[in-house]
Amino acid sequence: MNSEKPDLPVNVPLDLAPIGSWPATRHVFDPLSADAIAMAWAAQRPLLVRGEPGTGKSQLARAVAQTLGRVFIAEVVHARTEPQDLLWRFDTVARLGEAQAAAGRLSGPDQPDPLDPQRFLSPGPLWWAFDWERADECFRQSRHRGNRPPQPAGWTPDRGCVLLIDEIDKAESDVPNSLLEVLGNRSFAVPWSNTVVGQASNCALPLVIITTNEERELPAAFLRRCLVLQYDLPADLVPWLIDRGAIHFPTCAREVLETAANQLVQDRADAREAGVTPPGQAEYLDLLRAVTTLAGTPGEQLELLAHLSHFAYRKFRDGEARA
């Protein structure tokens, strides 16, 4: 990895600039997460961040990238994600279309091959993370490019990246299992090009952060090769939420912050009784954003809380809470 040890400011509100589809927000590194990042950097292991939805697991990676001046590469895993999607992508449908279109055309020795596999191959997130320059070369040759990760001003590959593999528990077990060899060897073969992508000498080792909502058990072999950070909401949730709300909405009255927090705690209890996923920090901040946008005074905001909290917190049918 980069020889420069991660220096993350603890308990200091940080403004995160918008990047890609991620909006502007604020983040605070707690001592536990700062220590986990430092250990992942030193041990050269991926950091698995586990916890319920809405606790800020994904935002941690983005905040680390901005603070360290690294490229932020994010890949959201879903049920249809295949292992190779994290390495490379090949557009077989487009190549078939080109083959059908080219069938009736004459070709000459001086004309480029319309079915050249390089035209349909694009780099995946791990390719960008291991070897930015070769990934960029592949990106420029491809007709079906996808997206190049946005670069911070003045960034060079020796600064490295933070790679977020988000919600890995959504995929089948072959996806996390496929990462064992790739992350261990920091290399993988690319079909159609007869090349092997490896860790480039001019690129800092990527800092890899993987998140899970624990909807599906991860393979034991994969867990053994990760460092694990458990993101739990504190038992004494109301004061913690008030502090977080004040960071994101510093002009919001404490009474509004406290009322919204108490309502969240009650609705979390109802959700657990119903056996459904409880609302968390994300829903709390959504509610505060709504009431501070729609109402100007604390009195008006308190009145709105009673009406709007149902939309933010109650993610189940009323009868389910008594089931």
Protein backbone atom coordinates (compact mmCIF):
# COMPACT_ATOMS: atom_id res chain seq x y z
CA MET A 1 0.00 0.00 0.00
CA ASN A 2 0.90 3.63 -0.01
CA SER A 3 3.84 4.14 2.36
CA GLU A 4 2.02 7.04 3.96
CA LYS A 5 0.08 5.86 7.01
CA PRO A 6 -3.62 6.85 6.94
CA ASP A 7 -4.12 9.87 9.16
CA LEU A 8 -7.84 10.16 9.81
CA PRO A 9 -9.18 12.97 12.01
CA VAL A 10 -11.26 11.48 14.84
CA ASN A 11 -14.47 13.08 16.14
CA VAL A 12 -14.16 15.96 13.67
CA PRO A 13 -17.08 16.71 11.29
CA LEU A 14 -15.90 16.50 7.68
CA ASP A 15 -17.74 17.88 4.65
CA LEU A 16 -17.85 15.30 1.87
CA ALA A 17 -18.08 16.75 -1.62
CA PRO A 18 -20.50 15.22 -4.13
CA ILE A 19 -18.90 12.54 -6.30
CA GLY A 20 -20.64 10.66 -9.09
CA SER A 21 -24.13 9.78 -7.85
CA TRP A 22 -23.14 10.38 -4.20
CA PRO A 23 -24.52 13.68 -2.85
CA ALA A 24 -22.71 16.09 -0.53
CA THR A 25 -22.92 15.12 3.13
CA ARG A 26 -20.92 15.11 6.37
CA HIS A 27 -19.00 12.36 8.13
CA VAL A 28 -17.31 11.81 11.48
CA PHE A 29 -14.64 9.16 12.01
CA ASP A 30 -14.96 7.49 15.40
CA PRO A 31 -11.84 5.98 17.03
CA LEU A 32 -12.92 2.42 16.23
CA SER A 33 -13.30 2.96 12.49
CA ALA A 34 -10.07 4.99 12.31
CA ASP A 35 -8.17 2.15 14.00
CA ALA A 36 -9.76 -0.41 11.67
CA ILE A 37 -8.70 1.55 8.59
CA ALA A 38 -5.14 1.89 9.92
CA MET A 39 -4.95 -1.85 10.59
CA ALA A 40 -6.31 -2.75 7.14
CA TRP A 41 -3.66 -0.49 5.60
CA ALA A 42 -0.86 -2.00 7.69
CA ALA A 43 -1.97 -5.64 7.35
CA GLN A 44 -2.76 -5.23 3.63
CA ARG A 45 -6.08 -6.97 4.10
CA PRO A 46 -9.61 -6.02 2.99
CA LEU A 47 -11.79 -4.54 5.71
CA LEU A 48 -15.24 -6.11 6.00
CA VAL A 49 -17.71 -3.68 7.58
CA ARG A 50 -20.81 -5.41 8.89
CA GLY A 51 -23.97 -4.04 10.45
CA GLU A 52 -27.59 -3.20 9.80
CA PRO A 53 -28.57 -0.91 6.90
CA GLY A 54 -28.38 2.84 7.40
CA THR A 55 -25.40 2.92 9.79
CA GLY A 56 -22.97 4.61 7.39
CA LYS A 57 -20.94 1.58 6.28
CA SER A 58 -20.69 2.64 2.64
CA GLN A 59 -20.02 6.29 3.51
CA LEU A 60 -16.97 5.21 5.51
CA ALA A 61 -15.17 4.21 2.31
CA ARG A 62 -16.05 7.45 0.57
CA ALA A 63 -14.88 9.50 3.57
CA VAL A 64 -11.58 7.60 3.71
CA ALA A 65 -10.97 8.20 0.00
CA GLN A 66 -11.56 11.95 0.23
CA THR A 67 -9.53 12.36 3.42
CA LEU A 68 -6.53 10.47 1.99
CA GLY A 69 -6.78 12.04 -1.47
CA ARG A 70 -7.40 8.69 -3.15
CA VAL A 71 -9.66 7.76 -6.04
CA PHE A 72 -13.00 6.41 -4.85
CA ILE A 73 -14.13 3.33 -6.78
CA ALA A 74 -17.52 1.90 -5.82
CA GLU A 75 -19.26 -1.27 -6.99
CA VAL A 76 -22.70 -2.19 -5.64
CA VAL A 77 -23.23 -5.95 -5.63
CA HIS A 78 -26.65 -7.42 -6.45
CA ALA A 79 -28.21 -10.85 -6.92
CA ARG A 80 -27.10 -11.06 -10.56
CA THR A 81 -23.48 -10.03 -9.96
CA GLU A 82 -21.01 -12.56 -11.39
CA PRO A 83 -17.42 -12.95 -10.13
CA GLN A 84 -15.92 -11.56 -13.34
CA ASP A 85 -17.99 -8.37 -13.05
CA LEU A 86 -15.53 -7.16 -10.40
CA LEU A 87 -12.61 -7.77 -12.79
CA TRP A 88 -13.74 -7.07 -16.33
CA ARG A 89 -16.88 -6.90 -18.46
CA PHE A 90 -17.40 -8.22 -21.97
CA ASP A 91 -20.41 -7.12 -24.02
CA THR A 92 -21.31 -10.32 -25.87
CA VAL A 93 -24.65 -8.92 -27.03
CA ALA A 94 -22.98 -5.94 -28.75
CA ARG A 95 -20.39 -8.22 -30.38
CA LEU A 96 -23.14 -10.47 -31.71
CA GLY A 97 -24.89 -7.42 -33.13
CA GLU A 98 -21.66 -6.28 -34.79
CA ALA A 99 -21.17 -9.76 -36.28
CA GLN A 100 -24.66 -9.71 -37.77
CA ALA A 101 -24.17 -6.20 -39.13
CA ALA A 102 -20.75 -7.05 -40.57
CA ALA A 103 -21.95 -10.19 -42.31
CA GLY A 104 -23.07 -8.27 -45.36
CA ARG A 105 -20.21 -5.78 -45.47
CA LEU A 106 -16.97 -6.14 -47.38
CA SER A 107 -13.79 -5.87 -45.35
CA GLY A 108 -10.28 -5.01 -46.43
CA PRO A 109 -6.80 -5.52 -45.04
CA ASP A 110 -6.54 -1.86 -44.01
CA GLN A 111 -9.81 -1.79 -42.12
CA PRO A 112 -9.97 -2.50 -38.39
CA ASP A 113 -11.57 -5.75 -37.35
CA PRO A 114 -15.10 -4.80 -36.18
CA LEU A 115 -15.16 -7.94 -34.02
CA ASP A 116 -11.87 -7.30 -32.26
CA PRO A 117 -12.57 -8.43 -28.66
CA GLN A 118 -10.78 -5.35 -27.31
CA ARG A 119 -13.64 -3.23 -28.62
CA PHE A 120 -16.11 -5.02 -26.32
CA LEU A 121 -13.92 -5.47 -23.23
CA SER A 122 -14.02 -2.90 -20.40
CA PRO A 123 -12.21 -2.78 -17.04
CA GLY A 124 -13.98 -3.67 -13.81
CA PRO A 125 -13.37 -2.05 -10.42
CA LEU A 126 -10.48 -4.33 -9.40
CA TRP A 127 -8.71 -3.70 -12.70
CA TRP A 128 -8.87 0.06 -12.05
CA ALA A 129 -7.67 -0.51 -8.49
CA PHE A 130 -4.66 -2.68 -9.40
CA ASP A 131 -3.42 -0.99 -12.57
CA TRP A 132 -5.01 2.33 -13.41
CA GLU A 133 -3.00 3.02 -16.58
CA ARG A 134 -3.70 -0.34 -18.23
CA ALA A 135 -7.35 -0.09 -17.21
CA ASP A 136 -7.49 3.36 -18.82
CA GLU A 137 -5.92 1.98 -21.99
CA CYS A 138 -8.56 -0.76 -22.12
CA PHE A 139 -11.24 1.84 -21.40
CA ARG A 140 -10.15 4.01 -24.34
CA GLN A 141 -10.03 1.08 -26.77
CA SER A 142 -13.48 -0.17 -25.85
CA ARG A 143 -16.66 0.92 -27.59
CA HIS A 144 -18.69 -0.14 -24.56
CA ARG A 145 -16.77 1.58 -21.82
CA GLY A 146 -18.93 1.90 -18.76
CA ASN A 147 -17.62 4.63 -16.49
CA ARG A 148 -14.15 5.82 -15.55
CA PRO A 149 -13.91 6.48 -11.78
CA PRO A 150 -13.66 10.23 -11.11
CA GLN A 151 -10.19 11.41 -10.11
CA PRO A 152 -9.45 14.02 -7.42
CA ALA A 153 -7.64 17.12 -8.64
CA GLY A 154 -3.93 16.44 -8.97
CA TRP A 155 -4.30 12.71 -8.35
CA THR A 156 -1.71 10.27 -9.73
CA PRO A 157 -1.75 6.44 -9.57
CA ASP A 158 0.91 6.36 -6.86
CA ARG A 159 -1.68 7.90 -4.51
CA GLY A 160 -3.81 4.78 -4.79
CA CYS A 161 -7.53 4.26 -4.42
CA VAL A 162 -10.20 3.15 -2.00
CA LEU A 163 -12.30 0.37 -3.49
CA LEU A 164 -15.80 -0.12 -2.04
CA ILE A 165 -17.47 -3.46 -2.75
CA ASP A 166 -20.91 -2.71 -1.37
CA GLU A 167 -23.47 -5.22 -0.04
CA ILE A 168 -21.52 -8.35 -0.94
CA ASP A 169 -24.09 -10.45 0.94
CA LYS A 170 -26.52 -9.86 -1.94
CA ALA A 171 -24.47 -12.14 -4.22
CA GLU A 172 -24.09 -15.90 -4.35
CA SER A 173 -21.17 -17.37 -2.41
CA ASP A 174 -19.02 -17.75 -5.54
CA VAL A 175 -18.57 -13.96 -5.64
CA PRO A 176 -16.82 -13.57 -2.26
CA ASN A 177 -15.01 -16.87 -2.85
CA SER A 178 -13.68 -15.57 -6.16
CA LEU A 179 -12.10 -12.62 -4.37
CA LEU A 180 -9.86 -14.84 -2.22
CA GLU A 181 -7.27 -15.54 -4.90
CA VAL A 182 -7.58 -12.17 -6.64
CA LEU A 183 -7.05 -10.12 -3.48
CA GLY A 184 -4.42 -12.54 -2.18
CA ASN A 185 -2.34 -12.54 -5.37
CA ARG A 186 -3.38 -9.05 -6.51
CA SER A 187 -3.68 -10.33 -10.05
CA PHE A 188 -6.11 -12.00 -12.44
CA ALA A 189 -6.20 -13.19 -16.02
CA VAL A 190 -8.20 -11.34 -18.66
CA PRO A 191 -9.80 -13.52 -21.38
CA TRP A 192 -9.64 -12.42 -25.03
CA SER A 193 -6.46 -10.40 -24.46
CA ASN A 194 -4.09 -13.14 -23.21
CA THR A 195 -2.83 -10.83 -20.49
CA VAL A 196 -2.65 -10.89 -16.71
CA VAL A 197 -3.56 -7.78 -14.74
CA GLY A 198 -1.43 -7.39 -11.65
CA GLN A 199 -0.56 -4.76 -9.09
CA ALA A 200 1.27 -2.04 -11.01
CA SER A 201 4.57 -0.87 -9.56
CA ASN A 202 3.52 2.78 -9.88
CA CYS A 203 0.18 2.25 -8.11
CA ALA A 204 -0.24 2.16 -4.35
CA LEU A 205 -1.98 -0.94 -3.08
CA PRO A 206 -5.73 -0.33 -2.96
CA LEU A 207 -7.49 -0.03 0.36
CA VAL A 208 -10.43 -2.41 -0.06
CA ILE A 209 -13.58 -1.92 2.03
CA ILE A 210 -16.38 -4.48 1.72
CA THR A 211 -19.79 -4.04 3.31
CA THR A 212 -22.46 -6.52 4.31
CA ASN A 213 -25.93 -6.12 5.79
CA GLU A 214 -25.64 -9.76 6.87
CA GLU A 215 -28.70 -10.86 4.94
CA ARG A 216 -26.72 -13.93 3.85
CA GLU A 217 -23.92 -15.75 5.65
CA LEU A 218 -20.52 -15.20 4.04
CA PRO A 219 -18.12 -18.11 3.40
CA ALA A 220 -15.82 -18.88 6.33
CA ALA A 221 -12.70 -18.84 4.13
CA PHE A 222 -13.57 -15.34 2.95
CA LEU A 223 -14.13 -14.08 6.51
CA ARG A 224 -10.76 -15.45 7.63
CA ARG A 225 -9.00 -13.32 5.05
CA CYS A 226 -10.71 -10.09 6.07
CA LEU A 227 -10.39 -7.75 8.99
CA VAL A 228 -13.86 -7.12 10.41
CA LEU A 229 -15.38 -3.90 11.70
CA GLN A 230 -18.79 -4.27 13.34
CA TYR A 231 -20.91 -1.15 12.84
CA ASP A 232 -23.50 -1.32 15.61
CA LEU A 233 -25.78 1.46 16.76
CA PRO A 234 -25.16 2.20 20.47
CA ALA A 235 -27.48 0.90 23.17
CA ASP A 236 -28.10 4.47 24.36
CA LEU A 237 -29.29 5.55 20.95
CA VAL A 238 -31.08 8.87 21.56
CA PRO A 239 -28.06 11.03 22.57
CA TRP A 240 -25.97 9.45 19.81
CA LEU A 241 -28.61 10.30 17.21
CA ILE A 242 -28.92 13.84 18.53
CA ASP A 243 -25.18 14.33 18.14
CA ARG A 244 -25.26 12.98 14.58
CA GLY A 245 -28.27 15.11 13.72
CA ALA A 246 -26.55 18.23 15.01
CA ILE A 247 -23.53 17.48 12.79
CA HIS A 248 -25.65 17.26 9.64
CA PHE A 249 -28.19 19.95 10.58
CA PRO A 250 -26.39 22.38 12.91
CA THR A 251 -29.24 24.93 12.90
CA CYS A 252 -31.90 22.38 13.89
CA ALA A 253 -33.29 22.91 17.41
CA ARG A 254 -32.34 20.29 19.99
CA GLU A 255 -36.00 19.66 20.80
CA VAL A 256 -36.62 18.66 17.18
CA LEU A 257 -33.54 16.40 17.15
CA GLU A 258 -34.59 14.73 20.40
CA THR A 259 -38.22 14.23 19.41
CA ALA A 260 -37.22 12.62 16.12
CA ALA A 261 -34.71 10.38 17.93
CA ASN A 262 -37.23 9.20 20.51
CA GLN A 263 -39.73 8.40 17.77
CA LEU A 264 -37.06 6.39 15.94
CA VAL A 265 -36.31 4.34 19.06
CA GLN A 266 -40.02 3.51 19.44
CA ASP A 267 -40.40 2.55 15.80
CA ARG A 268 -37.26 0.38 15.99
CA ALA A 269 -38.88 -1.52 18.85
CA ASP A 270 -42.08 -1.95 16.83
CA ALA A 271 -40.09 -3.16 13.81
CA ARG A 272 -38.27 -5.77 15.88
CA GLU A 273 -41.58 -6.97 17.27
CA ALA A 274 -42.84 -7.29 13.72
CA GLY A 275 -39.72 -9.17 12.65
CA VAL A 276 -38.77 -6.60 9.99
CA THR A 277 -35.65 -4.49 9.44
CA PRO A 278 -35.73 -1.55 11.86
CA PRO A 279 -35.13 2.04 10.73
CA GLY A 280 -31.71 3.47 11.54
CA GLN A 281 -29.52 6.52 11.26
CA ALA A 282 -30.27 6.99 7.54
CA GLU A 283 -34.02 7.29 8.16
CA TYR A 284 -33.41 9.66 11.07
CA LEU A 285 -31.36 11.99 8.86
CA ASP A 286 -33.94 11.73 6.06
CA LEU A 287 -36.66 12.88 8.44
CA LEU A 288 -34.59 15.80 9.73
CA ARG A 289 -33.77 16.85 6.18
CA ALA A 290 -37.46 16.84 5.30
CA VAL A 291 -38.70 18.85 8.29
CA THR A 292 -35.90 21.43 8.08
CA THR A 293 -36.64 21.88 4.39
CA LEU A 294 -40.41 22.11 4.71
CA ALA A 295 -40.68 24.18 7.90
CA GLY A 296 -38.74 27.14 9.22
CA THR A 297 -39.41 27.35 12.95
CA PRO A 298 -38.89 24.64 15.60
CA GLY A 299 -42.60 24.69 16.39
CA GLU A 300 -43.54 24.04 12.78
CA GLN A 301 -40.88 21.34 12.51
CA LEU A 302 -42.18 19.56 15.61
CA GLU A 303 -45.68 19.61 14.17
CA LEU A 304 -44.39 18.14 10.92
CA LEU A 305 -42.53 15.37 12.73
CA ALA A 306 -45.79 13.79 13.84
CA HIS A 307 -46.99 13.63 10.23
CA LEU A 308 -43.78 12.75 8.39
CA SER A 309 -42.15 10.22 10.72
CA HIS A 310 -44.62 7.61 9.50
CA PHE A 311 -43.14 7.81 5.99
CA ALA A 312 -39.52 7.63 7.17
CA TYR A 313 -39.72 5.13 10.01
CA ARG A 314 -42.71 2.82 9.53
CA LYS A 315 -41.47 0.47 6.82
CA PHE A 316 -44.11 -2.17 7.56
CA ARG A 317 -47.90 -2.51 7.61
CA ASP A 318 -49.54 -1.48 10.87
CA GLY A 319 -50.84 -4.97 11.55
CA GLU A 320 -47.36 -6.47 11.29
CA ALA A 321 -46.19 -4.74 14.47
CA ARG A 322 -48.62 -6.82 16.46
CA ALA A 323 -48.06 -10.09 14.59
